[in-house]
Amino acid sequence: MSSLHIILLFIAGLASGFINVIAGGGSSITLPLMIFLGLTPGEANGTNRISILMQSVAGVETFRRNKVITFSEWWRLTLPSALGALAGALTAVELNEEVMKWSIVAFMTVVLLLVIFKPEVWIKEHATNATASNKYLQMVIFFLIGFYGGFIQVGVGFMLIAGLVMGCGFNLVKGNAMKVLIVMVFTVIALLVFVADGRINWLVGVVTGAGSMLGGWLGAKVTIRGGAKYVRWFLIVTLIAMILKLAGVF
């Protein structure tokens, strides 16, 4: 890699880490760049997990230091997500990318409309505990989200935020912190699968990951200081950008 490539990867990682920790969709920056620099789509998909893991570690540690995360309360949703990610990463079937792309667009559009027209759901100050009657359904949903995250990753942050805020009753700041923790755990599992399959470019991954760690730390700081209202507006902007990008507008 040239010095220019290293700089581009670091900057892309920085932007990705910041965006992913605050909202989601950061992989839409790093994956195309990795492919542009010569990695195959499979290698880019695997290598990108290094960046995701490093930014998640930085984000989780920042949230933990600021007492937004207490690890004892997260196992019920993290465990099914991790199992789903393992199944997703091990899946060898080839999906129709066009169908998946428009499915993601549809999902993000629904979330965008909810964020805009149901602000009270996203900016409530206090999280509520999930009820016993729906906890098993939540575990199934998070298994499926984990499966998607293990298989592809792009856009999984939006799915997790929607599930954590609307499905589990967390406020947006706590839900965002939980999202980062879930992603960190299932990325470890997915990364091991891709390493075993030889789909990792370590140099590209570490350079991008160094930038993403800084971005993840900054994103967590902004989330904590800005609060739920700030994150909601950032989420709206990011969702619109992702929808337009996937729809081929730019």
Protein backbone atom coordinates (compact mmCIF):
# COMPACT_ATOMS: atom_id res chain seq x y z
CA MET A 1 0.00 0.00 0.00
CA SER A 2 1.11 3.54 -0.72
CA SER A 3 1.17 6.30 1.89
CA LEU A 4 -1.93 7.79 0.24
CA HIS A 5 -3.80 4.49 0.63
CA ILE A 6 -2.87 4.32 4.32
CA ILE A 7 -4.09 7.88 4.88
CA LEU A 8 -7.36 7.19 3.04
CA LEU A 9 -7.98 4.03 5.05
CA PHE A 10 -7.29 5.79 8.34
CA ILE A 11 -9.64 8.66 7.49
CA ALA A 12 -12.32 6.23 6.31
CA GLY A 13 -11.94 4.28 9.54
CA LEU A 14 -12.23 7.47 11.59
CA ALA A 15 -15.46 8.45 9.84
CA SER A 16 -16.83 4.91 10.04
CA GLY A 17 -16.12 4.59 13.75
CA PHE A 18 -17.74 7.91 14.56
CA ILE A 19 -20.85 7.20 12.48
CA ASN A 20 -21.25 3.61 13.66
CA VAL A 21 -21.06 4.44 17.36
CA ILE A 22 -23.51 7.34 17.11
CA ALA A 23 -25.95 5.77 14.64
CA GLY A 24 -24.91 3.19 12.03
CA GLY A 25 -23.97 2.72 8.39
CA GLY A 26 -20.26 3.43 8.73
CA SER A 27 -19.32 0.29 6.85
CA SER A 28 -20.76 1.86 3.72
CA ILE A 29 -17.63 4.04 3.77
CA THR A 30 -14.96 1.44 4.49
CA LEU A 31 -16.21 -1.50 2.42
CA PRO A 32 -16.28 0.32 -0.96
CA LEU A 33 -12.84 1.83 -0.28
CA MET A 34 -11.34 -1.57 0.53
CA ILE A 35 -12.75 -3.02 -2.68
CA PHE A 36 -11.52 0.02 -4.64
CA LEU A 37 -8.01 -0.59 -3.26
CA GLY A 38 -8.02 -4.16 -4.59
CA LEU A 39 -9.62 -6.43 -2.00
CA THR A 40 -12.27 -8.86 -3.19
CA PRO A 41 -15.79 -8.34 -1.73
CA GLY A 42 -15.26 -11.40 0.47
CA GLU A 43 -11.92 -10.10 1.76
CA ALA A 44 -13.38 -6.64 2.35
CA ASN A 45 -16.31 -8.15 4.27
CA GLY A 46 -13.91 -10.07 6.50
CA THR A 47 -11.25 -7.37 6.85
CA ASN A 48 -13.84 -4.75 7.77
CA ARG A 49 -14.61 -6.74 10.94
CA ILE A 50 -11.23 -5.68 12.37
CA SER A 51 -12.27 -2.04 12.08
CA ILE A 52 -15.71 -2.78 13.55
CA LEU A 53 -14.17 -4.61 16.51
CA MET A 54 -11.63 -1.88 17.29
CA GLN A 55 -14.18 0.95 17.13
CA SER A 56 -16.59 -1.07 19.27
CA VAL A 57 -13.96 -1.69 21.94
CA ALA A 58 -13.23 2.04 22.11
CA GLY A 59 -16.92 2.90 22.25
CA VAL A 60 -17.79 0.29 24.89
CA GLU A 61 -14.91 1.34 27.14
CA THR A 62 -15.95 4.99 26.89
CA PHE A 63 -19.57 4.15 27.69
CA ARG A 64 -18.43 1.95 30.60
CA ARG A 65 -16.22 4.66 32.10
CA ASN A 66 -19.16 7.03 31.98
CA LYS A 67 -21.45 4.43 33.60
CA VAL A 68 -23.79 4.18 30.61
CA ILE A 69 -23.10 0.43 30.39
CA THR A 70 -23.19 -2.08 33.20
CA PHE A 71 -22.30 -5.46 31.77
CA SER A 72 -24.44 -7.55 34.11
CA GLU A 73 -27.69 -6.41 32.47
CA TRP A 74 -26.83 -7.07 28.82
CA TRP A 75 -26.38 -10.84 28.55
CA ARG A 76 -30.01 -11.62 27.62
CA LEU A 77 -29.76 -9.77 24.29
CA THR A 78 -26.03 -10.16 23.66
CA LEU A 79 -26.06 -13.97 23.82
CA PRO A 80 -28.70 -14.59 21.11
CA SER A 81 -27.09 -11.91 18.93
CA ALA A 82 -23.72 -13.66 19.27
CA LEU A 83 -25.22 -17.04 18.38
CA GLY A 84 -26.96 -15.46 15.39
CA ALA A 85 -23.71 -13.87 14.24
CA LEU A 86 -21.98 -17.24 14.37
CA ALA A 87 -24.70 -18.78 12.21
CA GLY A 88 -24.58 -15.84 9.81
CA ALA A 89 -20.81 -15.91 9.41
CA LEU A 90 -20.86 -19.67 8.80
CA THR A 91 -23.60 -19.46 6.20
CA ALA A 92 -22.21 -20.42 2.80
CA VAL A 93 -25.23 -19.63 0.67
CA GLU A 94 -25.10 -16.76 -1.76
CA LEU A 95 -27.87 -14.22 -1.35
CA ASN A 96 -29.36 -12.07 -4.07
CA GLU A 97 -27.63 -8.74 -3.38
CA GLU A 98 -30.23 -6.67 -5.23
CA VAL A 99 -33.10 -8.07 -3.14
CA MET A 100 -31.12 -7.53 0.04
CA LYS A 101 -30.23 -3.97 -0.91
CA TRP A 102 -33.87 -2.95 -1.42
CA SER A 103 -34.91 -4.80 1.73
CA ILE A 104 -32.42 -2.68 3.67
CA VAL A 105 -33.72 0.46 1.97
CA ALA A 106 -37.28 -0.44 2.98
CA PHE A 107 -36.28 -1.16 6.57
CA MET A 108 -34.31 2.06 6.91
CA THR A 109 -37.18 4.06 5.43
CA VAL A 110 -39.56 2.68 8.08
CA VAL A 111 -37.09 3.49 10.84
CA LEU A 112 -36.54 6.99 9.39
CA LEU A 113 -40.27 7.70 9.43
CA LEU A 114 -40.54 6.50 13.02
CA VAL A 115 -37.58 8.64 14.10
CA ILE A 116 -39.14 11.72 12.44
CA PHE A 117 -42.80 11.28 13.33
CA LYS A 118 -42.53 9.43 16.67
CA PRO A 119 -39.81 11.44 18.44
CA GLU A 120 -41.19 10.67 21.89
CA VAL A 121 -40.21 7.00 21.41
CA TRP A 122 -36.58 7.91 20.75
CA ILE A 123 -35.85 10.72 23.18
CA LYS A 124 -37.46 9.57 26.41
CA GLU A 125 -35.12 10.17 29.30
CA HIS A 126 -35.54 6.90 31.17
CA ALA A 127 -35.20 3.35 29.96
CA THR A 128 -37.86 0.85 30.93
CA ASN A 129 -37.30 -2.80 31.67
CA ALA A 130 -38.47 -5.38 29.18
CA THR A 131 -41.46 -7.37 30.34
CA ALA A 132 -41.25 -11.10 30.89
CA SER A 133 -44.01 -11.74 28.37
CA ASN A 134 -41.96 -10.57 25.40
CA LYS A 135 -38.43 -11.49 26.42
CA TYR A 136 -38.39 -14.69 24.34
CA LEU A 137 -39.59 -12.85 21.26
CA GLN A 138 -36.83 -10.31 21.84
CA MET A 139 -34.26 -13.10 21.96
CA VAL A 140 -35.50 -14.44 18.62
CA ILE A 141 -35.39 -10.99 17.06
CA PHE A 142 -31.87 -10.34 18.28
CA PHE A 143 -30.75 -13.75 17.05
CA LEU A 144 -31.96 -12.76 13.57
CA ILE A 145 -30.30 -9.35 13.78
CA GLY A 146 -27.09 -11.07 14.87
CA PHE A 147 -27.38 -13.44 11.92
CA TYR A 148 -27.56 -10.50 9.54
CA GLY A 149 -24.67 -8.78 11.30
CA GLY A 150 -22.51 -11.88 11.11
CA PHE A 151 -23.27 -12.36 7.43
CA ILE A 152 -23.04 -8.81 6.05
CA GLN A 153 -22.79 -6.14 8.81
CA VAL A 154 -23.76 -3.08 6.73
CA GLY A 155 -26.81 -1.41 8.28
CA VAL A 156 -27.03 -3.73 11.30
CA GLY A 157 -26.65 -0.76 13.65
CA PHE A 158 -30.00 0.64 12.53
CA MET A 159 -31.66 -2.71 13.16
CA LEU A 160 -30.18 -2.92 16.63
CA ILE A 161 -31.17 0.63 17.55
CA ALA A 162 -34.74 0.00 16.40
CA GLY A 163 -34.92 -3.26 18.36
CA LEU A 164 -33.39 -1.81 21.51
CA VAL A 165 -35.41 1.41 21.60
CA MET A 166 -38.80 0.30 20.25
CA GLY A 167 -38.66 -3.35 21.25
CA CYS A 168 -36.90 -3.22 24.61
CA GLY A 169 -37.72 0.23 25.95
CA PHE A 170 -34.21 1.66 26.25
CA ASN A 171 -33.72 5.37 25.72
CA LEU A 172 -31.60 6.30 22.71
CA VAL A 173 -28.35 6.88 24.61
CA LYS A 174 -28.55 3.61 26.54
CA GLY A 175 -29.78 1.79 23.45
CA ASN A 176 -26.87 3.13 21.46
CA ALA A 177 -24.41 1.95 24.11
CA MET A 178 -26.04 -1.47 24.15
CA LYS A 179 -25.85 -1.59 20.35
CA VAL A 180 -22.09 -1.02 20.45
CA LEU A 181 -21.63 -3.74 23.07
CA ILE A 182 -23.68 -6.28 21.07
CA VAL A 183 -21.73 -5.46 17.91
CA MET A 184 -18.42 -5.87 19.75
CA VAL A 185 -19.35 -9.32 21.03
CA PHE A 186 -20.71 -10.75 17.78
CA THR A 187 -17.90 -9.21 15.73
CA VAL A 188 -15.34 -11.24 17.70
CA ILE A 189 -17.18 -14.40 16.69
CA ALA A 190 -17.64 -13.39 13.05
CA LEU A 191 -14.01 -12.26 12.77
CA LEU A 192 -12.76 -15.66 13.96
CA VAL A 193 -14.79 -17.33 11.21
CA PHE A 194 -13.36 -15.04 8.54
CA VAL A 195 -9.82 -15.52 9.88
CA ALA A 196 -10.23 -19.29 9.70
CA ASP A 197 -11.44 -18.91 6.11
CA GLY A 198 -8.42 -16.77 5.16
CA ARG A 199 -10.47 -13.70 4.19
CA ILE A 200 -8.48 -11.10 6.12
CA ASN A 201 -5.98 -8.48 4.94
CA TRP A 202 -4.36 -7.60 8.24
CA LEU A 203 -2.54 -4.47 7.10
CA VAL A 204 -5.69 -2.92 5.64
CA GLY A 205 -7.71 -4.00 8.67
CA VAL A 206 -5.32 -2.63 11.29
CA VAL A 207 -4.82 0.73 9.53
CA THR A 208 -8.57 1.19 9.11
CA GLY A 209 -9.14 -0.05 12.64
CA ALA A 210 -6.71 2.50 14.10
CA GLY A 211 -8.77 5.29 12.61
CA SER A 212 -12.03 3.65 13.65
CA MET A 213 -10.89 3.37 17.28
CA LEU A 214 -10.42 7.11 17.41
CA GLY A 215 -13.76 7.61 15.67
CA GLY A 216 -15.49 5.22 18.08
CA TRP A 217 -14.11 7.07 21.09
CA LEU A 218 -15.23 10.42 19.68
CA GLY A 219 -18.66 9.01 18.79
CA ALA A 220 -19.22 7.71 22.31
CA LYS A 221 -18.22 11.06 23.81
CA VAL A 222 -20.61 12.92 21.52
CA THR A 223 -23.43 10.49 22.34
CA ILE A 224 -22.97 10.95 26.09
CA ARG A 225 -22.64 14.74 25.98
CA GLY A 226 -25.25 15.38 23.33
CA GLY A 227 -27.91 13.13 24.77
CA ALA A 228 -30.81 11.45 23.02
CA LYS A 229 -32.03 14.51 21.13
CA TYR A 230 -28.66 15.04 19.46
CA VAL A 231 -28.33 11.37 18.54
CA ARG A 232 -31.85 11.39 17.07
CA TRP A 233 -30.95 14.19 14.62
CA PHE A 234 -27.68 12.51 13.68
CA LEU A 235 -29.62 9.30 13.12
CA ILE A 236 -32.06 11.08 10.78
CA VAL A 237 -29.23 12.52 8.65
CA THR A 238 -27.37 9.20 8.50
CA LEU A 239 -30.49 7.24 7.57
CA ILE A 240 -31.33 9.64 4.74
CA ALA A 241 -27.77 9.42 3.41
CA MET A 242 -27.78 5.61 3.54
CA ILE A 243 -31.17 5.33 1.85
CA LEU A 244 -30.15 7.64 -0.98
CA LYS A 245 -26.82 5.86 -1.42
CA LEU A 246 -28.37 2.39 -1.55
CA ALA A 247 -31.07 3.63 -3.93
CA GLY A 248 -28.33 4.80 -6.31
CA VAL A 249 -29.08 8.51 -6.02
CA PHE A 250 -25.36 9.19 -5.43
